[in-house]
Every structure is written in C-alpha cells, then in structure tokens.
C-alpha atoms as a PDB file:
ATOM      1  CA  UNK A   1     115.241  85.545 113.135  1.00  0.00           C
ATOM      2  CA  UNK A   2     113.432  82.704 114.560  1.00  0.00           C
ATOM      3  CA  UNK A   3     110.095  81.740 113.470  1.00  0.00           C
ATOM      4  CA  UNK A   4     107.124  82.796 115.390  1.00  0.00           C
ATOM      5  CA  UNK A   5     105.442  80.312 117.871  1.00  0.00           C
ATOM      6  CA  UNK A   6     102.569  78.850 115.872  1.00  0.00           C
ATOM      7  CA  UNK A   7      99.289  80.009 117.745  1.00  0.00           C
ATOM      8  CA  UNK A   8      98.256  76.048 118.390  1.00  0.00           C
ATOM      9  CA  UNK A   9     101.358  75.507 120.105  1.00  0.00           C
ATOM     10  CA  UNK A  10     100.872  78.619 122.217  1.00  0.00           C
ATOM     11  CA  UNK A  11      97.666  77.912 123.567  1.00  0.00           C
ATOM     12  CA  UNK A  12      98.868  74.332 124.353  1.00  0.00           C
ATOM     13  CA  UNK A  13     101.509  75.770 126.377  1.00  0.00           C
ATOM     14  CA  UNK A  14      98.927  78.136 127.961  1.00  0.00           C
ATOM     15  CA  UNK A  15      96.797  75.161 128.775  1.00  0.00           C
ATOM     16  CA  UNK A  16      99.512  73.333 130.544  1.00  0.00           C
ATOM     17  CA  UNK A  17     100.688  76.362 132.211  1.00  0.00           C
ATOM     18  CA  UNK A  18      96.970  76.453 133.759  1.00  0.00           C
ATOM     19  CA  UNK A  19      97.216  72.841 134.561  1.00  0.00           C
ATOM     20  CA  UNK A  20     100.552  74.281 136.687  1.00  0.00           C
ATOM     21  CA  UNK A  21     102.501  71.788 135.159  1.00  0.00           C
ATOM     22  CA  UNK A  22     106.340  72.161 135.189  1.00  0.00           C
ATOM     23  CA  UNK A  23     108.419  74.055 132.557  1.00  0.00           C
ATOM     24  CA  UNK A  24     110.670  71.220 131.636  1.00  0.00           C
ATOM     25  CA  UNK A  25     107.484  68.795 131.115  1.00  0.00           C
ATOM     26  CA  UNK A  26     105.755  71.429 129.169  1.00  0.00           C
ATOM     27  CA  UNK A  27     108.867  72.072 126.656  1.00  0.00           C
ATOM     28  CA  UNK A  28     108.777  68.637 126.227  1.00  0.00           C
ATOM     29  CA  UNK A  29     105.255  67.726 125.154  1.00  0.00           C
ATOM     30  CA  UNK A  30     104.697  71.125 123.252  1.00  0.00           C
ATOM     31  CA  UNK A  31     108.215  70.482 121.612  1.00  0.00           C
ATOM     32  CA  UNK A  32     109.199  74.544 122.493  1.00  0.00           C
ATOM     33  CA  UNK A  33     112.118  75.654 124.920  1.00  0.00           C
ATOM     34  CA  UNK A  34     111.964  76.349 128.522  1.00  0.00           C
ATOM     35  CA  UNK A  35     112.689  79.762 127.491  1.00  0.00           C
ATOM     36  CA  UNK A  36     109.664  80.052 125.415  1.00  0.00           C
ATOM     37  CA  UNK A  37     107.194  78.602 128.244  1.00  0.00           C
ATOM     38  CA  UNK A  38     108.725  81.117 130.636  1.00  0.00           C
ATOM     39  CA  UNK A  39     108.309  84.051 128.060  1.00  0.00           C
ATOM     40  CA  UNK A  40     104.902  82.885 127.491  1.00  0.00           C
ATOM     41  CA  UNK A  41     104.250  82.790 131.155  1.00  0.00           C
ATOM     42  CA  UNK A  42     105.547  86.236 131.615  1.00  0.00           C
ATOM     43  CA  UNK A  43     103.435  87.785 128.877  1.00  0.00           C
ATOM     44  CA  UNK A  44     100.389  85.878 130.504  1.00  0.00           C
ATOM     45  CA  UNK A  45     101.003  87.337 133.768  1.00  0.00           C
ATOM     46  CA  UNK A  46     101.904  90.968 132.607  1.00  0.00           C
ATOM     47  CA  UNK A  47      99.566  91.422 129.470  1.00  0.00           C
ATOM     48  CA  UNK A  48      96.973  88.742 129.913  1.00  0.00           C
ATOM     49  CA  UNK A  49      97.802  87.282 126.458  1.00  0.00           C
ATOM     50  CA  UNK A  50     100.215  84.671 125.168  1.00  0.00           C
ATOM     51  CA  UNK A  51     102.072  87.602 123.107  1.00  0.00           C
ATOM     52  CA  UNK A  52     102.772  90.984 124.379  1.00  0.00           C
ATOM     53  CA  UNK A  53     100.542  93.818 122.659  1.00  0.00           C
ATOM     54  CA  UNK A  54     102.365  95.535 119.933  1.00  0.00           C
ATOM     55  CA  UNK A  55     103.707  98.948 120.675  1.00  0.00           C
ATOM     56  CA  UNK A  56     101.587 101.759 119.365  1.00  0.00           C
ATOM     57  CA  UNK A  57     104.028 104.292 117.902  1.00  0.00           C
ATOM     58  CA  UNK A  58     106.580 102.793 115.556  1.00  0.00           C
ATOM     59  CA  UNK A  59     108.741 103.991 113.141  1.00  0.00           C
ATOM     60  CA  UNK A  60     109.818 107.581 112.542  1.00  0.00           C
ATOM     61  CA  UNK A  61     108.019 110.394 114.349  1.00  0.00           C
ATOM     62  CA  UNK A  62     106.024 112.634 111.844  1.00  0.00           C
ATOM     63  CA  UNK A  63     107.592 116.008 111.187  1.00  0.00           C
ATOM     64  CA  UNK A  64     104.236 117.679 110.391  1.00  0.00           C
ATOM     65  CA  UNK A  65     101.619 118.093 112.574  1.00  0.00           C
ATOM     66  CA  UNK A  66      98.032 118.170 111.573  1.00  0.00           C
ATOM     67  CA  UNK A  67      97.610 121.663 111.559  1.00  0.00           C
ATOM     68  CA  UNK A  68     100.573 122.134 109.281  1.00  0.00           C
ATOM     69  CA  UNK A  69      98.976 119.311 107.099  1.00  0.00           C
ATOM     70  CA  UNK A  70      95.543 121.592 106.774  1.00  0.00           C
ATOM     71  CA  UNK A  71      97.595 124.724 105.964  1.00  0.00           C
ATOM     72  CA  UNK A  72      99.689 122.864 103.419  1.00  0.00           C
ATOM     73  CA  UNK A  73      96.344 121.360 101.693  1.00  0.00           C
ATOM     74  CA  UNK A  74      94.624 124.751 102.051  1.00  0.00           C
ATOM     75  CA  UNK A  75      97.553 126.763 100.383  1.00  0.00           C
ATOM     76  CA  UNK A  76      97.456 124.174  97.687  1.00  0.00           C
ATOM     77  CA  UNK A  77      94.283 124.581  96.723  1.00  0.00           C
ATOM     78  CA  UNK A  78      94.357 128.317  97.055  1.00  0.00           C
ATOM     79  CA  UNK A  79      97.130 128.637  94.374  1.00  0.00           C
ATOM     80  CA  UNK A  80      95.161 128.020  91.485  1.00  0.00           C
ATOM     81  CA  UNK A  81      95.330 130.923  88.605  1.00  0.00           C
ATOM     82  CA  UNK A  82      92.113 132.559  89.625  1.00  0.00           C
ATOM     83  CA  UNK A  83      93.274 133.040  93.292  1.00  0.00           C
ATOM     84  CA  UNK A  84      96.735 134.396  91.775  1.00  0.00           C
ATOM     85  CA  UNK A  85      94.964 136.864  89.470  1.00  0.00           C
ATOM     86  CA  UNK A  86      92.369 138.054  92.161  1.00  0.00           C
ATOM     87  CA  UNK A  87      92.635 141.299  93.749  1.00  0.00           C
ATOM     88  CA  UNK A  88      91.817 139.797  97.162  1.00  0.00           C
ATOM     89  CA  UNK A  89      95.081 139.501  98.745  1.00  0.00           C
ATOM     90  CA  UNK A  90      93.740 139.388 102.163  1.00  0.00           C
ATOM     91  CA  UNK A  91      93.632 135.325 102.184  1.00  0.00           C
ATOM     92  CA  UNK A  92      97.165 135.121 100.321  1.00  0.00           C
ATOM     93  CA  UNK A  93      98.636 137.082 103.032  1.00  0.00           C
ATOM     94  CA  UNK A  94      96.895 135.100 105.692  1.00  0.00           C
ATOM     95  CA  UNK A  95      98.096 131.794 103.904  1.00  0.00           C
ATOM     96  CA  UNK A  96     101.809 133.286 103.654  1.00  0.00           C
ATOM     97  CA  UNK A  97     101.662 134.302 107.506  1.00  0.00           C
ATOM     98  CA  UNK A  98     100.781 130.475 108.237  1.00  0.00           C
ATOM     99  CA  UNK A  99     103.246 129.239 105.922  1.00  0.00           C
ATOM    100  CA  UNK A 100     105.858 131.152 107.759  1.00  0.00           C
ATOM    101  CA  UNK A 101     104.551 130.424 111.154  1.00  0.00           C
ATOM    102  CA  UNK A 102     104.705 126.832 110.720  1.00  0.00           C
ATOM    103  CA  UNK A 103     108.146 127.046 108.929  1.00  0.00           C
ATOM    104  CA  UNK A 104     106.970 125.388 105.654  1.00  0.00           C
ATOM    105  CA  UNK A 105     108.179 126.617 102.150  1.00  0.00           C
ATOM    106  CA  UNK A 106     105.601 127.871  99.616  1.00  0.00           C
ATOM    107  CA  UNK A 107     105.014 125.434  96.832  1.00  0.00           C
END
C-alpha cells in the first residue's frame, strides 16, 4: 500500500488548486501525480477537506445490544453466593426470563 501524502504537500496542492493552476503544472511543482491532484480536488468539492472523512462504523457489527450487556452485567453481579442461597427467587426468575428473551446463556 502506498504511503499517505504528507499534510504539507496536500496543503500545497490545495493552495495551487485555489489559484486555478492546471493539474499537470500542480503535479510537477508539488511532485505528486495528476491522479492525486484530481483526488484532492474531488475531496475538496465533495467533503470540504483534502482527505475524505473516515467512515463512522467500521469492522464487525456488535452481536450484543446495550440492553443485552446490561442484563449480562446484572446477572453476573447477582450470581454471588448470597443471591444463590437467598429465599427470594423473584429476582432470579426475572433474570432468567431476560437471559432467555435475549438468547444468552447463563454464566
């Protein structure tokens, strides 16, 4: 993969584009390719900057929602020996219903 264009060169190309210089002349003075000059011009027109903005979501999508995380953390907190031996099964039943509803295995 080629190296990124240094910010100084990108700003130099931007300045020359603002002076409405021809692309071949910009590429020879800044020592970049005419393709890079065209890409920078395209990015300035469409995004307002020399480089396009980074995509907000990259990588694999999360399998667990925030609600699932809360239930999981809550179930881990309540699985202590005191809660396991307590006679109040109401909160344990609620936790099990949440775990089954969200499709998570109990730990």
